[in-house]
Amino acid sequence: MTRVLVFSTLFPNAAQPNHGIFVENRLRHTLALGGLEATVLAPVPWFPSSNPKFGRYAVFATAPRFETRHGLDVWHPRYPVIPKIGEGLAPAMLYRAALAAVRRLQAAGKRFDVIDAHYFYPDGVAAIRLGRKLGLPVVITGRGTDLTLIPDAPAARAKIQQAAAEASAMVGVCEDLRVRMVGLGAEAARTITLRNGVDLNQFRPVDREESRRALGVSGFTLVSVGSLIPRKAHDLTIRALLKAPDCNLIIAGQGPSRAELEQLVRDLGLGDRVRFLGETPHAELSRLYSAADVSVLASSREGWANVLLESMACGTPVLATDVNGASEVVQSAEAGRLIPERSADCLAATLGELRQHMPDRAATRRYAEKFGWLPIARANKALLTAVAAGGREGCGSGEPVAAAQRALHLSTESGAFASPAQNVTSP
């Protein structure tokens, strides 16, 4: 039995149930195969008050110190964060909080064979230091901004490069991110692409007419699911409605840009065509996707956008900006269209093209079925098992990645695309 310590600030908790759910999903589907056991260390920024006036910082204060999620023990130690000026200190603060937590777990009898870290900076950097201290090999998964934006800062870039030099293996959730790792100096033989999957049981078509009635949807409806932050560029989708006068838009998500986006809707006179749902539980998204005609994602950058596969699994085609891993998700007309230029005009024009050749919803679902979790779970299990077997002494070997690639090849060759859902209970 391989004993895994999962380490990441990107992991759901009772106060933030959708936060980092993609990390939890890969872990759950991997554990469903058997042969591994895992303990999760998901640090949360320390904040002294849960008063709502402090916004997202208050949410941190309400996260539990310990919880059990889907049978997994999840610990949330606190670490100090200094807004805007503390980014350079984050790896050290994370390391200290993690080391203290691991020491307590070890004192209680817990033992670990490998650290599975998610997000290169600061998490992966802290994990490497933790692995060095504990004598454990480390796998780091890069997931987006940690490789597309953060390395632009020289100090962070240097720390990421050092972490890449010491990691036993590195995972990119799309090929674009894996290539960026190599561009930063990571040895190619220790990198692999393991894209995110989609839970084909949780995300499936729901009765369309019933869903539309329940949500009060009428007419041609777009849905945009994502945090209300500048990177998601909901403003472009809103502005595109000016050139699509018969379209309505539902935005599902919460974030600091909400007031600004609501004001934009008022300024453009679109108040009767745009609805903000706020944070939507993951379990309710299938109804939302099923009610919509097209799902839109206008982001300026994305690693692997899970919402695209979730939408397609519900039979709803997507419209996404052609950034990072989007072209790896949207590869046929059944999936939807890529927006070649990030502008409201181009978004509206591409939407018009999609509407002229709307795919059959059943065909869109079939396309999504190629992206189940099972091949990824098998490859991830092979990777973690091989890294654990090699220990820190084997950190320079490419064998763990080769083992994962063999598992991935065998899974896809056998047509094993579906999730191992019989062993996994969807949230």
Protein backbone atom coordinates (compact mmCIF):
# COMPACT_ATOMS: atom_id res chain seq x y z
CA MET A 1 0.00 0.00 0.00
CA THR A 2 1.46 3.35 -1.07
CA ARG A 3 0.88 6.08 1.52
CA VAL A 4 0.37 9.50 -0.07
CA LEU A 5 0.53 12.90 1.57
CA VAL A 6 -1.49 15.24 -0.66
CA PHE A 7 -0.35 18.82 -0.17
CA SER A 8 -2.06 21.86 -1.67
CA THR A 9 -3.85 25.07 -0.79
CA LEU A 10 -6.15 24.15 -3.68
CA PHE A 11 -8.55 21.75 -2.02
CA PRO A 12 -12.22 22.07 -1.04
CA ASN A 13 -13.30 22.68 2.54
CA ALA A 14 -16.64 23.15 4.25
CA ALA A 15 -16.41 26.93 3.84
CA GLN A 16 -15.27 26.74 0.18
CA PRO A 17 -16.83 23.56 -1.25
CA ASN A 18 -15.88 24.32 -4.88
CA HIS A 19 -12.33 25.49 -4.17
CA GLY A 20 -9.78 23.26 -5.90
CA ILE A 21 -12.36 20.56 -6.49
CA PHE A 22 -10.37 19.35 -9.51
CA VAL A 23 -7.55 18.30 -7.15
CA GLU A 24 -9.99 16.37 -4.99
CA ASN A 25 -11.60 14.72 -8.01
CA ARG A 26 -8.34 13.34 -9.40
CA LEU A 27 -7.40 12.04 -5.99
CA ARG A 28 -10.77 10.37 -5.40
CA HIS A 29 -10.76 8.60 -8.75
CA THR A 30 -7.18 7.46 -8.22
CA LEU A 31 -7.93 6.08 -4.75
CA ALA A 32 -10.98 4.28 -6.14
CA LEU A 33 -8.59 1.94 -7.97
CA GLY A 34 -7.15 0.64 -4.70
CA GLY A 35 -3.52 0.21 -3.67
CA LEU A 36 -3.14 3.74 -2.29
CA GLU A 37 -4.15 5.52 0.88
CA ALA A 38 -4.04 9.29 1.29
CA THR A 39 -4.03 12.01 3.90
CA VAL A 40 -4.69 15.56 2.73
CA LEU A 41 -2.87 18.59 4.07
CA ALA A 42 -4.64 21.65 2.67
CA PRO A 43 -3.39 24.80 4.43
CA VAL A 44 -5.71 27.81 4.70
CA PRO A 45 -4.60 31.44 5.19
CA TRP A 46 -4.92 32.59 8.79
CA PHE A 47 -7.41 35.38 9.44
CA PRO A 48 -8.71 36.53 12.85
CA SER A 49 -12.32 37.36 12.00
CA SER A 50 -15.25 35.66 10.28
CA ASN A 51 -17.16 38.93 9.96
CA PRO A 52 -18.63 39.02 6.41
CA LYS A 53 -17.38 42.57 5.92
CA PHE A 54 -13.91 41.11 5.36
CA GLY A 55 -15.08 39.20 2.27
CA ARG A 56 -13.04 36.20 1.20
CA TYR A 57 -10.66 36.62 4.15
CA ALA A 58 -13.56 36.05 6.51
CA VAL A 59 -14.30 32.79 4.68
CA PHE A 60 -10.81 31.56 5.56
CA ALA A 61 -11.63 31.97 9.25
CA THR A 62 -14.67 29.71 8.96
CA ALA A 63 -12.82 26.77 7.38
CA PRO A 64 -12.52 23.84 9.81
CA ARG A 65 -9.15 22.73 11.13
CA PHE A 66 -10.04 19.13 10.29
CA GLU A 67 -12.77 17.44 8.28
CA THR A 68 -13.54 14.17 6.54
CA ARG A 69 -14.49 14.44 2.89
CA HIS A 70 -15.56 11.32 0.97
CA GLY A 71 -13.76 9.17 3.54
CA LEU A 72 -10.56 11.22 3.32
CA ASP A 73 -8.93 12.84 6.35
CA VAL A 74 -8.34 16.49 5.43
CA TRP A 75 -6.32 18.82 7.66
CA HIS A 76 -6.37 22.61 7.23
CA PRO A 77 -3.45 24.10 9.19
CA ARG A 78 -3.23 27.88 9.15
CA TYR A 79 -0.38 29.88 7.68
CA PRO A 80 0.13 33.67 7.71
CA VAL A 81 -0.49 35.65 4.54
CA ILE A 82 0.35 39.32 4.10
CA PRO A 83 -1.82 40.66 1.26
CA LYS A 84 0.08 42.09 -1.73
CA ILE A 85 3.53 42.09 -0.09
CA GLY A 86 3.82 38.57 1.29
CA GLU A 87 3.98 36.53 -1.93
CA GLY A 88 7.72 35.99 -1.61
CA LEU A 89 7.29 34.67 1.93
CA ALA A 90 4.46 32.29 1.09
CA PRO A 91 6.58 29.16 0.41
CA ALA A 92 8.36 29.51 3.76
CA MET A 93 5.12 30.15 5.63
CA LEU A 94 3.46 27.15 3.97
CA TYR A 95 6.45 24.94 4.73
CA ARG A 96 6.45 25.82 8.42
CA ALA A 97 2.74 25.20 8.80
CA ALA A 98 2.97 21.93 6.89
CA LEU A 99 5.97 20.62 8.78
CA ALA A 100 4.31 21.23 12.14
CA ALA A 101 1.16 19.45 10.93
CA VAL A 102 3.10 16.47 9.54
CA ARG A 103 5.07 16.12 12.76
CA ARG A 104 1.77 15.86 14.66
CA LEU A 105 0.50 13.25 12.23
CA GLN A 106 3.72 11.26 12.53
CA ALA A 107 3.51 11.40 16.31
CA ALA A 108 0.03 9.89 15.98
CA GLY A 109 1.45 7.02 13.94
CA LYS A 110 0.99 8.25 10.36
CA ARG A 111 3.65 7.38 7.80
CA PHE A 112 4.08 8.59 4.23
CA ASP A 113 5.89 7.36 1.14
CA VAL A 114 5.40 10.25 -1.29
CA ILE A 115 4.20 13.86 -1.36
CA ASP A 116 1.65 14.72 -4.06
CA ALA A 117 1.74 18.52 -4.38
CA HIS A 118 -0.53 20.68 -6.51
CA TYR A 119 0.31 24.17 -7.84
CA PHE A 120 3.96 24.95 -8.44
CA TYR A 121 4.18 28.19 -6.47
CA PRO A 122 4.05 28.51 -3.57
CA ASP A 123 2.74 24.99 -2.88
CA GLY A 124 5.21 22.98 -4.93
CA VAL A 125 8.16 25.02 -3.70
CA ALA A 126 7.10 24.43 -0.09
CA ALA A 127 6.51 20.72 -0.80
CA ILE A 128 10.06 20.27 -2.10
CA ARG A 129 11.43 21.76 1.10
CA LEU A 130 9.10 19.53 3.11
CA GLY A 131 10.19 16.46 1.15
CA ARG A 132 13.84 17.35 1.73
CA LYS A 133 13.23 17.59 5.48
CA LEU A 134 11.21 14.37 5.70
CA GLY A 135 13.26 12.35 3.21
CA LEU A 136 10.27 11.91 0.87
CA PRO A 137 10.06 12.15 -2.93
CA VAL A 138 7.73 14.79 -4.37
CA VAL A 139 5.42 14.93 -7.38
CA ILE A 140 4.27 18.43 -8.41
CA THR A 141 1.27 19.16 -10.62
CA GLY A 142 1.18 22.49 -12.45
CA ARG A 143 -2.36 23.75 -12.99
CA GLY A 144 -2.40 27.16 -14.64
CA THR A 145 -1.33 30.55 -13.36
CA ASP A 146 1.53 28.91 -11.48
CA LEU A 147 3.15 28.32 -14.89
CA THR A 148 1.55 30.94 -17.14
CA LEU A 149 1.93 34.07 -14.97
CA ILE A 150 3.81 33.61 -11.70
CA PRO A 151 7.16 32.71 -13.39
CA ASP A 152 7.21 36.24 -14.85
CA ALA A 153 8.44 37.35 -11.41
CA PRO A 154 12.20 36.58 -11.31
CA ALA A 155 12.30 35.52 -7.64
CA ALA A 156 9.35 33.17 -8.00
CA ARG A 157 10.73 31.83 -11.28
CA ALA A 158 14.02 30.88 -9.62
CA LYS A 159 12.21 29.02 -6.85
CA ILE A 160 10.01 27.20 -9.36
CA GLN A 161 13.10 26.16 -11.32
CA GLN A 162 14.77 24.84 -8.18
CA ALA A 163 11.62 22.88 -7.29
CA ALA A 164 11.53 21.42 -10.79
CA ALA A 165 15.15 20.32 -10.44
CA GLU A 166 14.38 18.39 -7.24
CA ALA A 167 10.92 16.97 -8.03
CA SER A 168 10.81 13.26 -8.82
CA ALA A 169 8.09 13.89 -11.40
CA MET A 170 6.03 16.79 -12.69
CA VAL A 171 2.52 16.78 -14.13
CA GLY A 172 0.86 19.32 -16.38
CA VAL A 173 -2.92 19.21 -16.67
CA CYS A 174 -2.55 20.10 -20.35
CA GLU A 175 0.28 19.79 -22.86
CA ASP A 176 0.71 23.56 -22.95
CA LEU A 177 1.62 23.56 -19.26
CA ARG A 178 3.97 20.59 -19.61
CA VAL A 179 5.80 22.42 -22.39
CA ARG A 180 6.06 25.48 -20.15
CA MET A 181 7.63 23.34 -17.43
CA VAL A 182 10.28 22.15 -19.85
CA GLY A 183 10.78 25.73 -20.98
CA LEU A 184 11.53 26.64 -17.37
CA GLY A 185 14.25 23.99 -17.29
CA ALA A 186 12.42 20.87 -16.11
CA GLU A 187 13.85 17.65 -17.48
CA ALA A 188 11.39 16.46 -20.13
CA ALA A 189 11.73 12.80 -19.08
CA ARG A 190 10.31 13.69 -15.65
CA THR A 191 7.26 15.50 -17.02
CA ILE A 192 3.93 14.13 -18.19
CA THR A 193 0.56 15.47 -19.26
CA LEU A 194 -2.35 14.12 -17.22
CA ARG A 195 -5.34 16.21 -18.21
CA ASN A 196 -8.28 16.62 -15.88
CA GLY A 197 -11.19 14.30 -16.50
CA VAL A 198 -14.91 14.74 -16.08
CA ASP A 199 -17.20 12.68 -13.87
CA LEU A 200 -19.53 11.27 -16.50
CA ASN A 201 -22.02 10.15 -13.88
CA GLN A 202 -22.29 13.45 -12.09
CA PHE A 203 -22.26 15.51 -15.29
CA ARG A 204 -24.84 14.10 -17.65
CA PRO A 205 -27.82 15.51 -19.56
CA VAL A 206 -30.76 16.39 -17.35
CA ASP A 207 -34.27 16.78 -18.77
CA ARG A 208 -33.87 19.99 -20.75
CA GLU A 209 -37.37 21.39 -20.59
CA GLU A 210 -37.69 20.65 -16.90
CA SER A 211 -34.32 22.31 -16.25
CA ARG A 212 -35.32 25.40 -18.19
CA ARG A 213 -38.60 25.68 -16.29
CA ALA A 214 -36.86 25.25 -12.94
CA LEU A 215 -34.38 28.01 -13.76
CA GLY A 216 -36.89 30.26 -15.47
CA VAL A 217 -34.97 30.09 -18.74
CA SER A 218 -36.46 31.13 -22.08
CA GLY A 219 -34.99 31.92 -25.48
CA PHE A 220 -31.46 31.18 -26.64
CA THR A 221 -29.43 31.08 -23.42
CA LEU A 222 -25.71 31.30 -22.77
CA VAL A 223 -24.18 30.20 -19.48
CA SER A 224 -20.79 31.27 -18.14
CA VAL A 225 -19.49 29.41 -15.09
CA GLY A 226 -16.47 30.80 -13.27
CA SER A 227 -15.23 33.12 -10.56
CA LEU A 228 -16.05 36.79 -11.02
CA ILE A 229 -12.46 37.91 -11.50
CA PRO A 230 -10.80 39.81 -14.36
CA ARG A 231 -9.08 36.69 -15.76
CA LYS A 232 -12.43 35.04 -16.52
CA ALA A 233 -13.41 38.08 -18.66
CA HIS A 234 -17.15 37.86 -18.09
CA ASP A 235 -17.26 41.46 -19.32
CA LEU A 236 -16.46 40.29 -22.87
CA THR A 237 -19.39 37.89 -22.84
CA ILE A 238 -21.69 40.61 -21.51
CA ARG A 239 -20.57 43.06 -24.20
CA ALA A 240 -21.03 40.41 -26.90
CA LEU A 241 -24.76 40.38 -26.11
CA LEU A 242 -25.03 43.76 -27.83
CA LYS A 243 -24.44 41.93 -31.12
CA ALA A 244 -26.60 38.96 -30.18
CA PRO A 245 -29.90 40.67 -29.35
CA ASP A 246 -31.90 37.44 -29.00
CA CYS A 247 -29.52 35.86 -26.47
CA ASN A 248 -29.74 35.79 -22.68
CA LEU A 249 -26.85 35.13 -20.31
CA ILE A 250 -26.64 33.39 -16.94
CA ILE A 251 -23.42 33.86 -14.96
CA ALA A 252 -22.70 31.36 -12.18
CA GLY A 253 -19.91 32.31 -9.83
CA GLN A 254 -18.89 34.74 -7.13
CA GLY A 255 -15.94 37.07 -6.76
CA PRO A 256 -14.67 40.62 -6.31
CA SER A 257 -15.72 41.79 -9.79
CA ARG A 258 -19.44 41.25 -9.25
CA ALA A 259 -20.35 44.88 -8.52
CA GLU A 260 -18.35 46.06 -11.52
CA LEU A 261 -20.00 43.50 -13.81
CA GLU A 262 -23.47 44.36 -12.53
CA GLN A 263 -22.76 48.03 -13.24
CA LEU A 264 -21.64 47.14 -16.77
CA VAL A 265 -24.92 45.31 -17.34
CA ARG A 266 -26.84 48.39 -16.22
CA ASP A 267 -24.71 50.75 -18.33
CA LEU A 268 -25.34 48.64 -21.44
CA GLY A 269 -29.06 48.36 -20.75
CA LEU A 270 -28.91 44.56 -20.52
CA GLY A 271 -30.56 44.17 -17.14
CA ASP A 272 -33.38 42.00 -18.44
CA ARG A 273 -31.02 39.67 -20.32
CA VAL A 274 -28.25 38.94 -17.79
CA ARG A 275 -28.71 37.07 -14.52
CA PHE A 276 -26.12 36.52 -11.77
CA LEU A 277 -26.65 33.29 -9.86
CA GLY A 278 -23.77 33.66 -7.42
CA GLU A 279 -21.83 30.64 -6.22
CA THR A 280 -23.50 27.49 -7.56
CA PRO A 281 -22.91 24.13 -5.84
CA HIS A 282 -21.10 21.64 -8.04
CA ALA A 283 -23.97 19.19 -7.71
CA GLU A 284 -26.38 21.68 -9.31
CA LEU A 285 -24.33 22.53 -12.38
CA SER A 286 -25.71 19.72 -14.55
CA ARG A 287 -29.17 21.30 -14.45
CA LEU A 288 -27.68 24.68 -15.39
CA TYR A 289 -25.66 23.31 -18.32
CA SER A 290 -28.63 21.26 -19.54
CA ALA A 291 -30.86 24.35 -19.53
CA ALA A 292 -28.40 26.40 -21.58
CA ASP A 293 -27.83 26.33 -25.34
CA VAL A 294 -24.12 27.24 -25.25
CA SER A 295 -21.53 27.49 -22.47
CA VAL A 296 -19.08 30.39 -22.81
CA LEU A 297 -15.61 30.80 -21.30
CA ALA A 298 -13.81 34.00 -22.33
CA SER A 299 -10.76 33.64 -20.04
CA SER A 300 -7.44 35.32 -20.78
CA ARG A 301 -5.63 32.19 -19.57
CA GLU A 302 -6.60 28.73 -18.34
CA GLY A 303 -4.69 25.56 -17.62
CA TRP A 304 -7.34 22.93 -18.29
CA ALA A 305 -10.80 24.43 -17.99
CA ASN A 306 -12.97 21.83 -16.26
CA VAL A 307 -16.16 23.75 -16.97
CA LEU A 308 -15.79 23.03 -20.69
CA LEU A 309 -15.86 19.26 -20.22
CA GLU A 310 -18.62 19.51 -17.62
CA SER A 311 -20.79 21.41 -20.07
CA MET A 312 -20.11 19.02 -22.95
CA ALA A 313 -20.84 16.02 -20.72
CA CYS A 314 -24.31 17.54 -20.23
CA GLY A 315 -24.73 17.83 -24.00
CA THR A 316 -24.11 21.58 -24.19
CA PRO A 317 -21.48 22.79 -26.71
CA VAL A 318 -18.93 25.38 -25.67
CA LEU A 319 -17.46 28.63 -26.89
CA ALA A 320 -13.99 29.29 -25.45
CA THR A 321 -11.07 31.60 -26.08
CA ASP A 322 -8.14 29.81 -27.69
CA VAL A 323 -5.73 30.00 -24.74
CA ASN A 324 -3.44 27.41 -23.15
CA GLY A 325 -5.20 24.04 -22.97
CA ALA A 326 -8.48 25.07 -24.61
CA SER A 327 -7.47 23.66 -27.99
CA GLU A 328 -6.78 20.32 -26.31
CA VAL A 329 -10.35 20.24 -24.99
CA VAL A 330 -12.23 21.61 -28.01
CA GLN A 331 -11.07 19.52 -30.97
CA SER A 332 -14.18 18.98 -33.09
CA ALA A 333 -17.40 20.64 -34.18
CA GLU A 334 -19.33 18.43 -31.74
CA ALA A 335 -17.49 20.10 -28.86
CA GLY A 336 -18.13 23.69 -29.94
CA ARG A 337 -15.91 26.51 -31.20
CA LEU A 338 -12.73 28.31 -30.17
CA ILE A 339 -12.70 32.11 -30.22
CA PRO A 340 -9.53 33.12 -32.12
CA GLU A 341 -9.36 36.66 -30.73
CA ARG A 342 -10.27 37.84 -27.24
CA SER A 343 -12.75 40.56 -28.05
CA ALA A 344 -16.48 41.00 -27.67
CA ASP A 345 -16.88 41.36 -31.44
CA CYS A 346 -15.01 38.13 -32.18
CA LEU A 347 -16.91 36.32 -29.45
CA ALA A 348 -20.23 37.43 -30.96
CA ALA A 349 -19.10 36.48 -34.48
CA THR A 350 -17.92 33.02 -33.39
CA LEU A 351 -21.17 32.50 -31.51
CA GLY A 352 -23.01 33.30 -34.75
CA GLU A 353 -20.98 30.68 -36.60
CA LEU A 354 -21.70 28.09 -33.92
CA ARG A 355 -25.42 28.82 -34.03
CA GLN A 356 -25.48 28.20 -37.78
CA HIS A 357 -24.05 24.71 -37.21
CA MET A 358 -25.22 23.70 -33.76
CA PRO A 359 -24.13 20.14 -32.95
CA ASP A 360 -26.57 17.50 -31.82
CA ARG A 361 -26.58 17.43 -28.03
CA ALA A 362 -26.15 13.65 -27.99
CA ALA A 363 -23.06 14.02 -30.19
CA THR A 364 -21.62 16.57 -27.78
CA ARG A 365 -22.14 14.15 -24.91
CA ARG A 366 -20.44 11.35 -26.85
CA TYR A 367 -17.46 13.62 -27.48
CA ALA A 368 -17.14 14.31 -23.74
CA GLU A 369 -17.21 10.60 -22.97
CA LYS A 370 -13.65 10.37 -24.31
CA PHE A 371 -12.52 12.36 -21.28
CA GLY A 372 -13.55 10.14 -18.38
CA TRP A 373 -11.28 9.83 -15.36
CA LEU A 374 -10.22 6.18 -15.58
CA PRO A 375 -7.13 6.50 -17.86
CA ILE A 376 -5.89 9.47 -15.82
CA ALA A 377 -6.52 7.73 -12.51
CA ARG A 378 -4.59 4.65 -13.66
CA ALA A 379 -1.66 6.74 -14.87
CA ASN A 380 -1.65 8.83 -11.69
CA LYS A 381 -1.64 5.69 -9.55
CA ALA A 382 1.26 4.26 -11.56
CA LEU A 383 3.17 7.53 -11.21
CA LEU A 384 2.74 7.87 -7.44
CA THR A 385 3.50 4.19 -6.86
CA ALA A 386 6.69 4.31 -8.93
CA VAL A 387 7.88 7.54 -7.32
CA ALA A 388 7.27 6.12 -3.84
CA ALA A 389 9.15 2.93 -4.75
CA GLY A 390 12.14 4.90 -5.99
CA GLY A 391 12.26 7.23 -2.98
CA ARG A 392 14.29 10.42 -3.00
CA GLU A 393 17.26 8.51 -4.34
CA GLY A 394 15.38 7.94 -7.58
CA CYS A 395 14.34 11.55 -8.11
CA GLY A 396 16.48 11.88 -11.24
CA SER A 397 15.00 8.83 -12.94
CA GLY A 398 12.44 9.03 -15.72
CA GLU A 399 11.03 5.60 -14.86
CA PRO A 400 7.99 6.88 -12.85
CA VAL A 401 6.85 8.94 -15.83
CA ALA A 402 7.50 6.03 -18.17
CA ALA A 403 5.35 3.81 -15.91
CA ALA A 404 2.56 6.39 -15.96
CA GLN A 405 2.78 6.68 -19.74
CA ARG A 406 2.47 2.91 -20.09
CA ALA A 407 -0.60 2.89 -17.85
CA LEU A 408 -2.13 5.75 -19.81
CA HIS A 409 -1.44 4.05 -23.14
CA LEU A 410 -2.90 0.74 -22.02
CA SER A 411 -6.03 2.45 -20.68
CA THR A 412 -6.70 4.46 -23.82
CA GLU A 413 -5.86 1.56 -26.12
CA SER A 414 -8.43 -0.59 -24.34
CA GLY A 415 -11.05 2.13 -24.71
CA ALA A 416 -11.27 2.61 -20.95
CA PHE A 417 -12.63 6.12 -20.96
CA ALA A 418 -15.39 5.92 -18.35
CA SER A 419 -14.88 6.89 -14.74
CA PRO A 420 -14.55 4.13 -12.13
CA ALA A 421 -17.79 5.49 -10.75
CA GLN A 422 -18.89 2.27 -9.08
CA ASN A 423 -16.31 3.05 -6.41
CA VAL A 424 -16.86 6.80 -6.21
CA THR A 425 -19.79 8.67 -4.72
CA SER A 426 -20.32 12.02 -6.41
CA PRO A 427 -20.77 14.99 -4.09
